Amino acid sequence: MKGLLKFFEGLPNLRVTSRARRRPRSSTIAKPKSSIDPQTGLPWTDKNNPDPAHRGRPLIGVPVLYGLVPDGPGHWSGRLYNIDNGNSYAGHLLEIDPRTIRVEGCAIGICGGQNMTRIK
């Protein structure tokens, strides 16, 4: 699956890129939840990144799903980057149907997931 996908209202849209044979490669932020960060009054940046050199980079294009490798039909494992706290976690991408994927992950023993729907 590749294309532009949308989480629930208020969360960023993600662009999923793929290689041959429909294998997801990575996902980057395509559009932030709003154009301006209300805390700074400026465009969004990767301000919570633990690496100070990355904190000023624009949020658009930041990889949030990466290192995805197949581990079953319609199922990939890799890393999830949380833009809210700057941490990365082990996670999974599951292809539910041609228009929907589910992203799941766990942090400090708490697990969850969200579906994303293709909008382009």
PDB file of N, CA and C in Angstrom:
ATOM      1  N   MET A   1       0.853  -1.172   0.000  1.00  0.00           N
ATOM      2  CA  MET A   1       0.000   0.000   0.000  1.00  0.00           C
ATOM      3  C   MET A   1       0.897   1.233   0.000  1.00  0.00           C
ATOM      4  N   LYS A   2       0.550   2.187  -0.828  1.00  0.00           N
ATOM      5  CA  LYS A   2       1.215   3.478  -0.777  1.00  0.00           C
ATOM      6  C   LYS A   2       0.178   4.538  -1.046  1.00  0.00           C
ATOM      7  N   GLY A   3       0.505   5.773  -0.700  1.00  0.00           N
ATOM      8  CA  GLY A   3      -0.419   6.867  -0.926  1.00  0.00           C
ATOM      9  C   GLY A   3      -0.476   7.784   0.271  1.00  0.00           C
ATOM     10  N   LEU A   4      -1.434   8.681   0.267  1.00  0.00           N
ATOM     11  CA  LEU A   4      -1.635   9.622   1.357  1.00  0.00           C
ATOM     12  C   LEU A   4      -2.729   9.064   2.243  1.00  0.00           C
ATOM     13  N   LEU A   5      -2.426   8.921   3.527  1.00  0.00           N
ATOM     14  CA  LEU A   5      -3.372   8.325   4.456  1.00  0.00           C
ATOM     15  C   LEU A   5      -3.690   9.290   5.581  1.00  0.00           C
ATOM     16  N   LYS A   6      -4.865   9.168   6.140  1.00  0.00           N
ATOM     17  CA  LYS A   6      -5.317  10.087   7.176  1.00  0.00           C
ATOM     18  C   LYS A   6      -5.683   9.332   8.434  1.00  0.00           C
ATOM     19  N   PHE A   7      -5.145   9.829   9.562  1.00  0.00           N
ATOM     20  CA  PHE A   7      -5.575   9.382  10.876  1.00  0.00           C
ATOM     21  C   PHE A   7      -6.893  10.071  11.194  1.00  0.00           C
ATOM     22  N   PHE A   8      -7.306  10.009  12.420  1.00  0.00           N
ATOM     23  CA  PHE A   8      -8.485  10.734  12.874  1.00  0.00           C
ATOM     24  C   PHE A   8      -8.263  12.231  12.751  1.00  0.00           C
ATOM     25  N   GLU A   9      -9.347  13.003  12.759  1.00  0.00           N
ATOM     26  CA  GLU A   9      -9.238  14.465  12.704  1.00  0.00           C
ATOM     27  C   GLU A   9      -8.285  14.950  13.783  1.00  0.00           C
ATOM     28  N   GLY A  10      -7.498  15.953  13.453  1.00  0.00           N
ATOM     29  CA  GLY A  10      -6.590  16.551  14.429  1.00  0.00           C
ATOM     30  C   GLY A  10      -5.214  15.927  14.455  1.00  0.00           C
ATOM     31  N   LEU A  11      -5.023  14.794  13.811  1.00  0.00           N
ATOM     32  CA  LEU A  11      -3.705  14.171  13.755  1.00  0.00           C
ATOM     33  C   LEU A  11      -3.138  14.357  12.355  1.00  0.00           C
ATOM     34  N   PRO A  12      -1.803  14.252  12.206  1.00  0.00           N
ATOM     35  CA  PRO A  12      -1.204  14.524  10.897  1.00  0.00           C
ATOM     36  C   PRO A  12      -1.551  13.477   9.842  1.00  0.00           C
ATOM     37  N   ASN A  13      -1.587  13.927   8.566  1.00  0.00           N
ATOM     38  CA  ASN A  13      -1.686  13.003   7.442  1.00  0.00           C
ATOM     39  C   ASN A  13      -0.305  12.411   7.205  1.00  0.00           C
ATOM     40  N   LEU A  14      -0.257  11.158   6.783  1.00  0.00           N
ATOM     41  CA  LEU A  14       1.011  10.481   6.525  1.00  0.00           C
ATOM     42  C   LEU A  14       1.089  10.064   5.075  1.00  0.00           C
ATOM     43  N   ARG A  15       2.296  10.157   4.489  1.00  0.00           N
ATOM     44  CA  ARG A  15       2.536   9.666   3.142  1.00  0.00           C
ATOM     45  C   ARG A  15       3.321   8.364   3.283  1.00  0.00           C
ATOM     46  N   VAL A  16       2.763   7.287   2.741  1.00  0.00           N
ATOM     47  CA  VAL A  16       3.412   5.976   2.777  1.00  0.00           C
ATOM     48  C   VAL A  16       4.046   5.728   1.425  1.00  0.00           C
ATOM     49  N   THR A  17       5.332   5.402   1.424  1.00  0.00           N
ATOM     50  CA  THR A  17       6.036   5.083   0.193  1.00  0.00           C
ATOM     51  C   THR A  17       6.274   3.581   0.157  1.00  0.00           C
ATOM     52  N   SER A  18       6.457   3.044  -1.048  1.00  0.00           N
ATOM     53  CA  SER A  18       6.649   1.606  -1.151  1.00  0.00           C
ATOM     54  C   SER A  18       7.668   1.277  -2.224  1.00  0.00           C
ATOM     55  N   ARG A  19       8.123   0.042  -2.176  1.00  0.00           N
ATOM     56  CA  ARG A  19       9.000  -0.500  -3.207  1.00  0.00           C
ATOM     57  C   ARG A  19       8.164  -1.414  -4.086  1.00  0.00           C
ATOM     58  N   ALA A  20       8.833  -2.130  -4.935  1.00  0.00           N
ATOM     59  CA  ALA A  20       8.129  -3.073  -5.816  1.00  0.00           C
ATOM     60  C   ALA A  20       7.353  -4.096  -4.986  1.00  0.00           C
ATOM     61  N   ARG A  21       6.356  -4.664  -5.563  1.00  0.00           N
ATOM     62  CA  ARG A  21       5.514  -5.696  -4.961  1.00  0.00           C
ATOM     63  C   ARG A  21       4.756  -5.196  -3.741  1.00  0.00           C
ATOM     64  N   ARG A  22       4.360  -3.909  -3.752  1.00  0.00           N
ATOM     65  CA  ARG A  22       3.473  -3.350  -2.726  1.00  0.00           C
ATOM     66  C   ARG A  22       4.056  -3.427  -1.322  1.00  0.00           C
ATOM     67  N   ARG A  23       5.348  -3.459  -1.179  1.00  0.00           N
ATOM     68  CA  ARG A  23       5.958  -3.539   0.137  1.00  0.00           C
ATOM     69  C   ARG A  23       6.154  -2.137   0.706  1.00  0.00           C
ATOM     70  N   PRO A  24       5.519  -1.805   1.817  1.00  0.00           N
ATOM     71  CA  PRO A  24       5.741  -0.488   2.408  1.00  0.00           C
ATOM     72  C   PRO A  24       7.208  -0.326   2.805  1.00  0.00           C
ATOM     73  N   ARG A  25       7.731   0.847   2.641  1.00  0.00           N
ATOM     74  CA  ARG A  25       9.108   1.129   3.003  1.00  0.00           C
ATOM     75  C   ARG A  25       9.156   2.042   4.211  1.00  0.00           C
ATOM     76  N   SER A  26       8.421   3.123   4.146  1.00  0.00           N
ATOM     77  CA  SER A  26       8.439   4.080   5.240  1.00  0.00           C
ATOM     78  C   SER A  26       7.216   4.965   5.138  1.00  0.00           C
ATOM     79  N   SER A  27       7.024   5.769   6.157  1.00  0.00           N
ATOM     80  CA  SER A  27       5.919   6.714   6.165  1.00  0.00           C
ATOM     81  C   SER A  27       6.430   8.011   6.771  1.00  0.00           C
ATOM     82  N   THR A  28       6.098   9.113   6.128  1.00  0.00           N
ATOM     83  CA  THR A  28       6.528  10.420   6.606  1.00  0.00           C
ATOM     84  C   THR A  28       5.311  11.319   6.797  1.00  0.00           C
ATOM     85  N   ILE A  29       5.477  12.344   7.583  1.00  0.00           N
ATOM     86  CA  ILE A  29       4.400  13.302   7.777  1.00  0.00           C
ATOM     87  C   ILE A  29       4.252  14.127   6.513  1.00  0.00           C
ATOM     88  N   ALA A  30       3.038  14.110   5.944  1.00  0.00           N
ATOM     89  CA  ALA A  30       2.756  14.853   4.720  1.00  0.00           C
ATOM     90  C   ALA A  30       2.124  16.199   5.029  1.00  0.00           C
ATOM     91  N   LYS A  31       1.362  16.265   6.112  1.00  0.00           N
ATOM     92  CA  LYS A  31       0.686  17.509   6.475  1.00  0.00           C
ATOM     93  C   LYS A  31       0.425  17.488   7.974  1.00  0.00           C
ATOM     94  N   PRO A  32       0.935  18.476   8.708  1.00  0.00           N
ATOM     95  CA  PRO A  32       0.671  18.509  10.151  1.00  0.00           C
ATOM     96  C   PRO A  32      -0.807  18.766  10.440  1.00  0.00           C
ATOM     97  N   LYS A  33      -1.187  18.570  11.705  1.00  0.00           N
ATOM     98  CA  LYS A  33      -2.582  18.760  12.095  1.00  0.00           C
ATOM     99  C   LYS A  33      -3.062  20.188  11.876  1.00  0.00           C
ATOM    100  N   SER A  34      -2.166  21.148  11.933  1.00  0.00           N
ATOM    101  CA  SER A  34      -2.451  22.543  11.585  1.00  0.00           C
ATOM    102  C   SER A  34      -1.149  23.120  11.057  1.00  0.00           C
ATOM    103  N   SER A  35      -1.210  24.215  10.334  1.00  0.00           N
ATOM    104  CA  SER A  35       0.018  24.743   9.739  1.00  0.00           C
ATOM    105  C   SER A  35       0.924  25.432  10.758  1.00  0.00           C
ATOM    106  N   ILE A  36       0.364  25.892  11.860  1.00  0.00           N
ATOM    107  CA  ILE A  36       1.138  26.622  12.867  1.00  0.00           C
ATOM    108  C   ILE A  36       1.085  25.904  14.210  1.00  0.00           C
ATOM    109  N   ASP A  37       2.234  25.777  14.842  1.00  0.00           N
ATOM    110  CA  ASP A  37       2.332  25.205  16.184  1.00  0.00           C
ATOM    111  C   ASP A  37       1.802  26.250  17.165  1.00  0.00           C
ATOM    112  N   PRO A  38       0.729  25.958  17.895  1.00  0.00           N
ATOM    113  CA  PRO A  38       0.161  26.966  18.799  1.00  0.00           C
ATOM    114  C   PRO A  38       1.095  27.358  19.940  1.00  0.00           C
ATOM    115  N   GLN A  39       2.052  26.507  20.291  1.00  0.00           N
ATOM    116  CA  GLN A  39       2.994  26.835  21.364  1.00  0.00           C
ATOM    117  C   GLN A  39       4.027  27.868  20.944  1.00  0.00           C
ATOM    118  N   THR A  40       4.386  27.848  19.639  1.00  0.00           N
ATOM    119  CA  THR A  40       5.455  28.740  19.183  1.00  0.00           C
ATOM    120  C   THR A  40       4.972  29.840  18.253  1.00  0.00           C
ATOM    121  N   GLY A  41       3.806  29.643  17.632  1.00  0.00           N
ATOM    122  CA  GLY A  41       3.320  30.601  16.640  1.00  0.00           C
ATOM    123  C   GLY A  41       4.057  30.486  15.311  1.00  0.00           C
ATOM    124  N   LEU A  42       4.853  29.455  15.150  1.00  0.00           N
ATOM    125  CA  LEU A  42       5.650  29.215  13.931  1.00  0.00           C
ATOM    126  C   LEU A  42       5.242  27.879  13.312  1.00  0.00           C
ATOM    127  N   PRO A  43       5.675  27.607  12.065  1.00  0.00           N
ATOM    128  CA  PRO A  43       5.399  26.285  11.495  1.00  0.00           C
ATOM    129  C   PRO A  43       5.962  25.180  12.382  1.00  0.00           C
ATOM    130  N   TRP A  44       5.307  24.023  12.345  1.00  0.00           N
ATOM    131  CA  TRP A  44       5.708  22.882  13.169  1.00  0.00           C
ATOM    132  C   TRP A  44       7.135  22.431  12.870  1.00  0.00           C
ATOM    133  N   THR A  45       7.853  22.069  13.912  1.00  0.00           N
ATOM    134  CA  THR A  45       9.185  21.468  13.792  1.00  0.00           C
ATOM    135  C   THR A  45       9.208  20.195  14.633  1.00  0.00           C
ATOM    136  N   ASP A  46      10.270  19.443  14.501  1.00  0.00           N
ATOM    137  CA  ASP A  46      10.467  18.207  15.265  1.00  0.00           C
ATOM    138  C   ASP A  46      11.033  18.565  16.642  1.00  0.00           C
ATOM    139  N   LYS A  47      10.352  19.447  17.348  1.00  0.00           N
ATOM    140  CA  LYS A  47      10.855  20.073  18.576  1.00  0.00           C
ATOM    141  C   LYS A  47      11.094  19.109  19.733  1.00  0.00           C
ATOM    142  N   ASN A  48      10.503  17.922  19.712  1.00  0.00           N
ATOM    143  CA  ASN A  48      10.683  16.974  20.811  1.00  0.00           C
ATOM    144  C   ASN A  48      11.732  15.908  20.523  1.00  0.00           C
ATOM    145  N   ASN A  49      12.434  16.037  19.403  1.00  0.00           N
ATOM    146  CA  ASN A  49      13.453  15.059  19.045  1.00  0.00           C
ATOM    147  C   ASN A  49      14.568  15.092  20.089  1.00  0.00           C
ATOM    148  N   PRO A  50      15.032  13.911  20.544  1.00  0.00           N
ATOM    149  CA  PRO A  50      16.107  13.894  21.542  1.00  0.00           C
ATOM    150  C   PRO A  50      17.436  14.439  21.009  1.00  0.00           C
ATOM    151  N   ASP A  51      17.604  14.465  19.692  1.00  0.00           N
ATOM    152  CA  ASP A  51      18.823  14.999  19.091  1.00  0.00           C
ATOM    153  C   ASP A  51      18.629  16.495  18.829  1.00  0.00           C
ATOM    154  N   PRO A  52      19.343  17.356  19.548  1.00  0.00           N
ATOM    155  CA  PRO A  52      19.168  18.799  19.373  1.00  0.00           C
ATOM    156  C   PRO A  52      19.347  19.264  17.930  1.00  0.00           C
ATOM    157  N   ALA A  53      20.156  18.559  17.154  1.00  0.00           N
ATOM    158  CA  ALA A  53      20.393  18.947  15.760  1.00  0.00           C
ATOM    159  C   ALA A  53      19.142  18.767  14.895  1.00  0.00           C
ATOM    160  N   HIS A  54      18.197  17.934  15.325  1.00  0.00           N
ATOM    161  CA  HIS A  54      16.983  17.679  14.548  1.00  0.00           C
ATOM    162  C   HIS A  54      15.766  18.476  15.025  1.00  0.00           C
ATOM    163  N   ARG A  55      15.870  19.138  16.147  1.00  0.00           N
ATOM    164  CA  ARG A  55      14.699  19.816  16.716  1.00  0.00           C
ATOM    165  C   ARG A  55      14.171  20.962  15.869  1.00  0.00           C
ATOM    166  N   GLY A  56      14.983  21.555  15.036  1.00  0.00           N
ATOM    167  CA  GLY A  56      14.540  22.660  14.198  1.00  0.00           C
ATOM    168  C   GLY A  56      14.074  22.246  12.815  1.00  0.00           C
ATOM    169  N   ARG A  57      14.176  20.955  12.486  1.00  0.00           N
ATOM    170  CA  ARG A  57      13.772  20.525  11.147  1.00  0.00           C
ATOM    171  C   ARG A  57      12.249  20.571  11.013  1.00  0.00           C
ATOM    172  N   PRO A  58      11.766  20.907   9.814  1.00  0.00           N
ATOM    173  CA  PRO A  58      10.308  20.935   9.606  1.00  0.00           C
ATOM    174  C   PRO A  58       9.695  19.564   9.862  1.00  0.00           C
ATOM    175  N   LEU A  59       8.498  19.554  10.410  1.00  0.00           N
ATOM    176  CA  LEU A  59       7.817  18.300  10.708  1.00  0.00           C
ATOM    177  C   LEU A  59       7.398  17.570   9.430  1.00  0.00           C
ATOM    178  N   ILE A  60       7.086  18.317   8.362  1.00  0.00           N
ATOM    179  CA  ILE A  60       6.745  17.680   7.090  1.00  0.00           C
ATOM    180  C   ILE A  60       7.979  16.929   6.588  1.00  0.00           C
ATOM    181  N   GLY A  61       7.797  15.656   6.293  1.00  0.00           N
ATOM    182  CA  GLY A  61       8.890  14.821   5.810  1.00  0.00           C
ATOM    183  C   GLY A  61       9.577  14.006   6.889  1.00  0.00           C
ATOM    184  N   VAL A  62       9.252  14.233   8.157  1.00  0.00           N
ATOM    185  CA  VAL A  62       9.861  13.453   9.239  1.00  0.00           C
ATOM    186  C   VAL A  62       9.334  12.019   9.161  1.00  0.00           C
ATOM    187  N   PRO A  63      10.242  11.019   9.142  1.00  0.00           N
ATOM    188  CA  PRO A  63       9.788   9.631   9.102  1.00  0.00           C
ATOM    189  C   PRO A  63       9.158   9.227  10.438  1.00  0.00           C
ATOM    190  N   VAL A  64       7.958   8.660  10.372  1.00  0.00           N
ATOM    191  CA  VAL A  64       7.294   8.207  11.593  1.00  0.00           C
ATOM    192  C   VAL A  64       7.096   6.686  11.613  1.00  0.00           C
ATOM    193  N   LEU A  65       7.172   6.047  10.460  1.00  0.00           N
ATOM    194  CA  LEU A  65       7.227   4.591  10.350  1.00  0.00           C
ATOM    195  C   LEU A  65       8.429   4.281   9.480  1.00  0.00           C
ATOM    196  N   TYR A  66       9.347   3.461   9.958  1.00  0.00           N
ATOM    197  CA  TYR A  66      10.544   3.198   9.169  1.00  0.00           C
ATOM    198  C   TYR A  66      11.117   1.826   9.491  1.00  0.00           C
ATOM    199  N   GLY A  67      12.004   1.368   8.627  1.00  0.00           N
ATOM    200  CA  GLY A  67      12.626   0.058   8.807  1.00  0.00           C
ATOM    201  C   GLY A  67      11.623  -1.080   8.710  1.00  0.00           C
ATOM    202  N   LEU A  68      10.569  -0.875   7.924  1.00  0.00           N
ATOM    203  CA  LEU A  68       9.519  -1.892   7.832  1.00  0.00           C
ATOM    204  C   LEU A  68       9.989  -3.107   7.046  1.00  0.00           C
ATOM    205  N   VAL A  69       9.810  -4.279   7.639  1.00  0.00           N
ATOM    206  CA  VAL A  69      10.142  -5.539   6.977  1.00  0.00           C
ATOM    207  C   VAL A  69       8.922  -6.457   7.062  1.00  0.00           C
ATOM    208  N   PRO A  70       8.659  -7.235   6.005  1.00  0.00           N
ATOM    209  CA  PRO A  70       7.491  -8.112   6.037  1.00  0.00           C
ATOM    210  C   PRO A  70       7.661  -9.221   7.061  1.00  0.00           C
ATOM    211  N   ASP A  71       6.574  -9.538   7.766  1.00  0.00           N
ATOM    212  CA  ASP A  71       6.604 -10.687   8.671  1.00  0.00           C
ATOM    213  C   ASP A  71       5.291 -11.473   8.602  1.00  0.00           C
ATOM    214  N   GLY A  72       4.663 -11.430   7.435  1.00  0.00           N
ATOM    215  CA  GLY A  72       3.438 -12.182   7.178  1.00  0.00           C
ATOM    216  C   GLY A  72       2.659 -11.492   6.073  1.00  0.00           C
ATOM    217  N   PRO A  73       1.646 -12.138   5.540  1.00  0.00           N
ATOM    218  CA  PRO A  73       0.841 -11.522   4.488  1.00  0.00           C
ATOM    219  C   PRO A  73       0.148 -10.251   4.988  1.00  0.00           C
ATOM    220  N   GLY A  74       0.430  -9.122   4.324  1.00  0.00           N
ATOM    221  CA  GLY A  74      -0.196  -7.859   4.710  1.00  0.00           C
ATOM    222  C   GLY A  74       0.227  -7.351   6.068  1.00  0.00           C
ATOM    223  N   HIS A  75       1.407  -7.775   6.547  1.00  0.00           N
ATOM    224  CA  HIS A  75       1.856  -7.427   7.901  1.00  0.00           C
ATOM    225  C   HIS A  75       3.347  -7.113   7.873  1.00  0.00           C
ATOM    226  N   TRP A  76       3.741  -5.958   8.412  1.00  0.00           N
ATOM    227  CA  TRP A  76       5.135  -5.538   8.455  1.00  0.00           C
ATOM    228  C   TRP A  76       5.484  -5.082   9.860  1.00  0.00           C
ATOM    229  N   SER A  77       6.736  -5.265  10.240  1.00  0.00           N
ATOM    230  CA  SER A  77       7.239  -4.801  11.532  1.00  0.00           C
ATOM    231  C   SER A  77       8.350  -3.797  11.298  1.00  0.00           C
ATOM    232  N   GLY A  78       8.472  -2.851  12.202  1.00  0.00           N
ATOM    233  CA  GLY A  78       9.509  -1.836  12.090  1.00  0.00           C
ATOM    234  C   GLY A  78       9.493  -0.934  13.306  1.00  0.00           C
ATOM    235  N   ARG A  79       9.815   0.340  13.096  1.00  0.00           N
ATOM    236  CA  ARG A  79       9.892   1.312  14.179  1.00  0.00           C
ATOM    237  C   ARG A  79       8.867   2.415  13.961  1.00  0.00           C
ATOM    238  N   LEU A  80       8.316   2.919  15.059  1.00  0.00           N
ATOM    239  CA  LEU A  80       7.360   4.018  15.053  1.00  0.00           C
ATOM    240  C   LEU A  80       7.980   5.183  15.807  1.00  0.00           C
ATOM    241  N   TYR A  81       7.960   6.367  15.218  1.00  0.00           N
ATOM    242  CA  TYR A  81       8.489   7.571  15.864  1.00  0.00           C
ATOM    243  C   TYR A  81       7.315   8.394  16.370  1.00  0.00           C
ATOM    244  N   ASN A  82       7.329   8.704  17.654  1.00  0.00           N
ATOM    245  CA  ASN A  82       6.274   9.498  18.277  1.00  0.00           C
ATOM    246  C   ASN A  82       6.710  10.960  18.287  1.00  0.00           C
ATOM    247  N   ILE A  83       6.053  11.804  17.497  1.00  0.00           N
ATOM    248  CA  ILE A  83       6.454  13.212  17.407  1.00  0.00           C
ATOM    249  C   ILE A  83       6.138  13.983  18.684  1.00  0.00           C
ATOM    250  N   ASP A  84       5.257  13.435  19.517  1.00  0.00           N
ATOM    251  CA  ASP A  84       4.894  14.142  20.749  1.00  0.00           C
ATOM    252  C   ASP A  84       5.956  14.052  21.830  1.00  0.00           C
ATOM    253  N   ASN A  85       6.745  12.950  21.841  1.00  0.00           N
ATOM    254  CA  ASN A  85       7.776  12.832  22.879  1.00  0.00           C
ATOM    255  C   ASN A  85       9.171  12.551  22.323  1.00  0.00           C
ATOM    256  N   GLY A  86       9.295  12.379  21.004  1.00  0.00           N
ATOM    257  CA  GLY A  86      10.603  12.176  20.389  1.00  0.00           C
ATOM    258  C   GLY A  86      11.164  10.778  20.536  1.00  0.00           C
ATOM    259  N   ASN A  87      10.384   9.843  21.040  1.00  0.00           N
ATOM    260  CA  ASN A  87      10.861   8.473  21.214  1.00  0.00           C
ATOM    261  C   ASN A  87      10.409   7.583  20.066  1.00  0.00           C
ATOM    262  N   SER A  88      11.168   6.495  19.848  1.00  0.00           N
ATOM    263  CA  SER A  88      10.820   5.498  18.840  1.00  0.00           C
ATOM    264  C   SER A  88      10.512   4.181  19.534  1.00  0.00           C
ATOM    265  N   TYR A  89       9.588   3.434  18.950  1.00  0.00           N
ATOM    266  CA  TYR A  89       9.121   2.193  19.536  1.00  0.00           C
ATOM    267  C   TYR A  89       8.986   1.129  18.451  1.00  0.00           C
ATOM    268  N   ALA A  90       9.030  -0.142  18.871  1.00  0.00           N
ATOM    269  CA  ALA A  90       8.736  -1.233  17.948  1.00  0.00           C
ATOM    270  C   ALA A  90       7.262  -1.158  17.583  1.00  0.00           C
ATOM    271  N   GLY A  91       6.956  -1.456  16.325  1.00  0.00           N
ATOM    272  CA  GLY A  91       5.557  -1.387  15.917  1.00  0.00           C
ATOM    273  C   GLY A  91       5.271  -2.232  14.699  1.00  0.00           C
ATOM    274  N   HIS A  92       4.009  -2.210  14.300  1.00  0.00           N
ATOM    275  CA  HIS A  92       3.540  -3.021  13.187  1.00  0.00           C
ATOM    276  C   HIS A  92       2.618  -2.205  12.295  1.00  0.00           C
ATOM    277  N   LEU A  93       2.631  -2.554  11.013  1.00  0.00           N
ATOM    278  CA  LEU A  93       1.701  -2.000  10.040  1.00  0.00           C
ATOM    279  C   LEU A  93       0.941  -3.185   9.463  1.00  0.00           C
ATOM    280  N   LEU A  94      -0.379  -3.136   9.507  1.00  0.00           N
ATOM    281  CA  LEU A  94      -1.218  -4.208   8.990  1.00  0.00           C
ATOM    282  C   LEU A  94      -2.109  -3.651   7.893  1.00  0.00           C
ATOM    283  N   GLU A  95      -2.133  -4.321   6.758  1.00  0.00           N
ATOM    284  CA  GLU A  95      -3.015  -3.906   5.674  1.00  0.00           C
ATOM    285  C   GLU A  95      -4.368  -4.576   5.897  1.00  0.00           C
ATOM    286  N   ILE A  96      -5.370  -3.761   6.249  1.00  0.00           N
ATOM    287  CA  ILE A  96      -6.717  -4.264   6.528  1.00  0.00           C
ATOM    288  C   ILE A  96      -7.454  -4.540   5.216  1.00  0.00           C
ATOM    289  N   ASP A  97      -7.420  -3.571   4.299  1.00  0.00           N
ATOM    290  CA  ASP A  97      -8.031  -3.699   2.981  1.00  0.00           C
ATOM    291  C   ASP A  97      -7.324  -2.690   2.069  1.00  0.00           C
ATOM    292  N   PRO A  98      -7.669  -2.612   0.776  1.00  0.00           N
ATOM    293  CA  PRO A  98      -6.947  -1.710  -0.128  1.00  0.00           C
ATOM    294  C   PRO A  98      -6.998  -0.229   0.273  1.00  0.00           C
ATOM    295  N   ARG A  99      -7.916   0.175   1.125  1.00  0.00           N
ATOM    296  CA  ARG A  99      -8.029   1.580   1.542  1.00  0.00           C
ATOM    297  C   ARG A  99      -7.629   1.837   2.985  1.00  0.00           C
ATOM    298  N   THR A 100      -7.355   0.778   3.762  1.00  0.00           N
ATOM    299  CA  THR A 100      -7.145   0.950   5.201  1.00  0.00           C
ATOM    300  C   THR A 100      -5.930   0.174   5.684  1.00  0.00           C
ATOM    301  N   ILE A 101      -5.114   0.837   6.497  1.00  0.00           N
ATOM    302  CA  ILE A 101      -4.043   0.155   7.219  1.00  0.00           C
ATOM    303  C   ILE A 101      -4.220   0.441   8.706  1.00  0.00           C
ATOM    304  N   ARG A 102      -3.617  -0.399   9.514  1.00  0.00           N
ATOM    305  CA  ARG A 102      -3.625  -0.198  10.962  1.00  0.00           C
ATOM    306  C   ARG A 102      -2.180  -0.142  11.421  1.00  0.00           C
ATOM    307  N   VAL A 103      -1.879   0.836  12.263  1.00  0.00           N
ATOM    308  CA  VAL A 103      -0.552   0.983  12.852  1.00  0.00           C
ATOM    309  C   VAL A 103      -0.691   0.668  14.331  1.00  0.00           C
ATOM    310  N   GLU A 104       0.150  -0.256  14.816  1.00  0.00           N
ATOM    311  CA  GLU A 104       0.090  -0.668  16.220  1.00  0.00           C
ATOM    312  C   GLU A 104       1.477  -0.595  16.834  1.00  0.00           C
ATOM    313  N   GLY A 105       1.518  -0.297  18.118  1.00  0.00           N
ATOM    314  CA  GLY A 105       2.782  -0.255  18.829  1.00  0.00           C
ATOM    315  C   GLY A 105       2.570  -0.314  20.323  1.00  0.00           C
ATOM    316  N   CYS A 106       3.674  -0.544  21.045  1.00  0.00           N
ATOM    317  CA  CYS A 106       3.653  -0.605  22.503  1.00  0.00           C
ATOM    318  C   CYS A 106       4.748   0.283  23.072  1.00  0.00           C
ATOM    319  N   ALA A 107       4.446   0.917  24.181  1.00  0.00           N
ATOM    320  CA  ALA A 107       5.434   1.728  24.910  1.00  0.00           C
ATOM    321  C   ALA A 107       5.201   1.500  26.395  1.00  0.00           C
ATOM    322  N   ILE A 108       6.249   1.194  27.091  1.00  0.00           N
ATOM    323  CA  ILE A 108       6.233   0.917  28.541  1.00  0.00           C
ATOM    324  C   ILE A 108       5.050   0.043  28.959  1.00  0.00           C
ATOM    325  N   GLY A 109       4.819  -1.019  28.182  1.00  0.00           N
ATOM    326  CA  GLY A 109       3.782  -1.977  28.517  1.00  0.00           C
ATOM    327  C   GLY A 109       2.365  -1.601  28.128  1.00  0.00           C
ATOM    328  N   ILE A 110       2.184  -0.442  27.534  1.00  0.00           N
ATOM    329  CA  ILE A 110       0.864  -0.016  27.082  1.00  0.00           C
ATOM    330  C   ILE A 110       0.832  -0.127  25.564  1.00  0.00           C
ATOM    331  N   CYS A 111      -0.123  -0.880  25.051  1.00  0.00           N
ATOM    332  CA  CYS A 111      -0.210  -1.104  23.612  1.00  0.00           C
ATOM    333  C   CYS A 111      -1.472  -0.469  23.043  1.00  0.00           C
ATOM    334  N   GLY A 112      -1.390  -0.101  21.782  1.00  0.00           N
ATOM    335  CA  GLY A 112      -2.552   0.477  21.126  1.00  0.00           C
ATOM    336  C   GLY A 112      -2.324   0.542  19.636  1.00  0.00           C
ATOM    337  N   GLY A 113      -3.307   1.068  18.939  1.00  0.00           N
ATOM    338  CA  GLY A 113      -3.206   1.193  17.503  1.00  0.00           C
ATOM    339  C   GLY A 113      -4.283   2.097  16.957  1.00  0.00           C
ATOM    340  N   GLN A 114      -4.087   2.502  15.712  1.00  0.00           N
ATOM    341  CA  GLN A 114      -5.067   3.336  15.030  1.00  0.00           C
ATOM    342  C   GLN A 114      -5.120   2.939  13.575  1.00  0.00           C
ATOM    343  N   ASN A 115      -6.325   3.026  13.009  1.00  0.00           N
ATOM    344  CA  ASN A 115      -6.508   2.790  11.587  1.00  0.00           C
ATOM    345  C   ASN A 115      -6.272   4.090  10.826  1.00  0.00           C
ATOM    346  N   MET A 116      -5.776   3.963   9.611  1.00  0.00           N
ATOM    347  CA  MET A 116      -5.604   5.091   8.702  1.00  0.00           C
ATOM    348  C   MET A 116      -6.296   4.733   7.399  1.00  0.00           C
ATOM    349  N   THR A 117      -6.943   5.718   6.781  1.00  0.00           N
ATOM    350  CA  THR A 117      -7.677   5.520   5.534  1.00  0.00           C
ATOM    351  C   THR A 117      -7.002   6.288   4.426  1.00  0.00           C
ATOM    352  N   ARG A 118      -6.875   5.649   3.258  1.00  0.00           N
ATOM    353  CA  ARG A 118      -6.272   6.314   2.095  1.00  0.00           C
ATOM    354  C   ARG A 118      -7.169   7.464   1.659  1.00  0.00           C
ATOM    355  N   ILE A 119      -6.573   8.634   1.460  1.00  0.00           N
ATOM    356  CA  ILE A 119      -7.333   9.773   0.950  1.00  0.00           C
ATOM    357  C   ILE A 119      -6.862  10.164  -0.448  1.00  0.00           C
ATOM    358  N   LYS A 120      -5.740   9.632  -0.913  1.00  0.00           N
ATOM    359  CA  LYS A 120      -5.241   9.820  -2.281  1.00  0.00           C
ATOM    360  C   LYS A 120      -4.552   8.561  -2.721  1.00  0.00           C
TER     361      LYS A 120
END
